[in-house]
Amino acid sequence: MKLGHIMIFINDMTKARWFYSELLGLQTLLEQENKLVFALDGCQLIAFKCEKTKEIGDYSNEARTVLVFEVVSVEQTYKELKEKGIQFLNDKPTHGRYAAFVDPFGNVHEIAESFG
C-alpha cells in the first residue's frame, strides 16, 4: 500500500497558498476554485476549501490527524519557521526531537527529526 495524498481543510485559498507555499516552501502543483495541491516527497498535500474549519484548541487532546514534516534539524527549522511567523504550540522543541505548530485553519503539523 502506498500513501497517495493527504487532505486538509481550509477556508481561505489565498491564506493557504501563502502558508504552505511561501512559509513552508511547498511547490504548488495545481490550483482550482476549491483546492490547492502541493508536492510532498512521495505524495501530495491537498488543501480543500470548506466553509468551516477547526478552531485551534488543545493539541494533545483534540488533534486527530497530525502531519509530520521530517527535517534534518528541528532546532534550526523551528527557528527559521518561527522567524517567518509560524505559531508553534510549544515555547521550544519538545525533547529536542519535534515541535508542533498550526496552520491558519487549526490543522496541527509537526517538524521532527528522523527516528531511524
Protein backbone atom coordinates (compact mmCIF):
# COMPACT_ATOMS: atom_id res chain seq x y z
CA MET A 1 0.00 0.00 0.00
CA LYS A 2 1.25 3.49 -0.85
CA LEU A 3 0.08 6.83 0.51
CA GLY A 4 -1.35 8.81 -2.40
CA HIS A 5 -2.28 12.14 -0.85
CA ILE A 6 -3.19 13.86 2.39
CA MET A 7 -6.19 16.19 2.56
CA ILE A 8 -6.60 19.09 4.94
CA PHE A 9 -9.47 21.54 5.15
CA ILE A 10 -9.11 25.29 4.71
CA ASN A 11 -11.48 28.22 4.28
CA ASP A 12 -9.22 30.78 2.58
CA MET A 13 -7.32 29.88 -0.60
CA THR A 14 -5.05 32.94 -0.50
CA LYS A 15 -4.03 32.33 3.09
CA ALA A 16 -3.44 28.62 2.40
CA ARG A 17 -1.29 29.38 -0.66
CA TRP A 18 0.75 31.84 1.39
CA PHE A 19 1.20 29.48 4.35
CA TYR A 20 2.05 26.27 2.51
CA SER A 21 3.92 27.74 -0.46
CA GLU A 22 5.59 30.86 0.90
CA LEU A 23 6.19 29.92 4.54
CA LEU A 24 6.70 26.16 4.32
CA GLY A 25 8.18 26.21 0.82
CA LEU A 26 5.97 23.53 -0.74
CA GLN A 27 5.65 23.54 -4.53
CA THR A 28 2.12 24.22 -5.83
CA LEU A 29 1.18 21.57 -8.38
CA LEU A 30 -2.41 22.58 -9.08
CA GLU A 31 -4.78 25.36 -8.14
CA GLN A 32 -8.52 25.11 -8.72
CA GLU A 33 -11.52 27.02 -7.41
CA ASN A 34 -11.85 24.90 -4.27
CA LYS A 35 -8.48 23.19 -3.82
CA LEU A 36 -4.73 23.59 -3.87
CA VAL A 37 -2.40 20.66 -4.47
CA PHE A 38 1.14 20.80 -3.10
CA ALA A 39 4.05 18.44 -3.74
CA LEU A 40 5.34 16.37 -0.84
CA ASP A 41 8.09 13.80 -1.01
CA GLY A 42 6.31 10.76 -2.44
CA CYS A 43 2.73 12.07 -2.20
CA GLN A 44 0.61 15.21 -2.37
CA LEU A 45 -0.98 17.55 0.15
CA ILE A 46 -4.44 18.70 -0.93
CA ALA A 47 -5.87 21.79 0.75
CA PHE A 48 -9.63 21.57 0.17
CA LYS A 49 -11.80 24.63 0.69
CA CYS A 50 -14.79 24.30 3.03
CA GLU A 51 -16.88 26.81 4.95
CA LYS A 52 -15.90 25.85 8.49
CA THR A 53 -12.50 24.78 9.74
CA LYS A 54 -11.31 23.56 13.13
CA GLU A 55 -10.62 26.07 15.87
CA ILE A 56 -7.19 25.96 17.42
CA GLY A 57 -7.58 24.07 20.68
CA ASP A 58 -5.76 21.66 22.93
CA TYR A 59 -3.29 19.93 20.64
CA SER A 60 -2.71 16.84 22.75
CA ASN A 61 -6.42 16.12 23.22
CA GLU A 62 -8.02 17.47 20.06
CA ALA A 63 -5.61 16.76 17.21
CA ARG A 64 -6.95 13.79 15.29
CA THR A 65 -4.51 13.79 12.41
CA VAL A 66 -1.08 15.38 12.54
CA LEU A 67 1.15 15.90 9.50
CA VAL A 68 4.78 15.41 10.45
CA PHE A 69 7.43 17.00 8.23
CA GLU A 70 10.81 15.29 8.60
CA VAL A 71 13.69 17.76 8.88
CA VAL A 72 17.44 17.46 9.45
CA SER A 73 17.46 19.77 12.48
CA VAL A 74 14.33 20.53 14.47
CA GLU A 75 16.01 23.38 16.34
CA GLN A 76 17.20 25.11 13.15
CA THR A 77 13.90 24.61 11.30
CA TYR A 78 11.96 25.74 14.40
CA LYS A 79 14.00 28.95 14.47
CA GLU A 80 13.53 29.59 10.73
CA LEU A 81 9.77 28.97 10.77
CA LYS A 82 9.29 31.00 13.97
CA GLU A 83 11.06 33.94 12.28
CA LYS A 84 8.56 33.63 9.41
CA GLY A 85 5.70 33.97 11.91
CA ILE A 86 4.55 30.38 12.23
CA GLN A 87 2.68 29.80 15.50
CA PHE A 88 4.19 26.91 17.47
CA LEU A 89 2.33 25.21 20.29
CA ASN A 90 5.45 24.91 22.46
CA ASP A 91 7.98 27.55 23.51
CA LYS A 92 10.79 25.30 22.28
CA PRO A 93 11.10 21.92 20.55
CA THR A 94 9.93 19.07 22.81
CA HIS A 95 12.78 16.81 23.85
CA GLY A 96 14.74 18.45 21.02
CA ARG A 97 13.18 16.00 18.55
CA TYR A 98 9.90 17.57 17.45
CA ALA A 99 7.82 20.74 17.58
CA ALA A 100 4.11 21.18 16.87
CA PHE A 101 2.58 24.12 15.03
CA VAL A 102 -0.76 25.03 13.50
CA ASP A 103 -1.74 26.41 10.14
CA PRO A 104 -4.15 29.36 9.90
CA PHE A 105 -7.08 26.90 9.85
CA GLY A 106 -6.32 24.96 13.04
CA ASN A 107 -4.67 21.95 11.36
CA VAL A 108 -1.85 20.61 13.54
CA HIS A 109 1.52 19.81 11.98
CA GLU A 110 4.91 18.91 13.41
CA ILE A 111 8.51 19.10 12.39
CA ALA A 112 10.55 16.12 13.56
CA GLU A 113 13.94 14.58 13.15
CA SER A 114 14.16 11.07 11.78
CA PHE A 115 13.64 8.33 14.34
CA GLY A 116 15.87 6.00 12.34
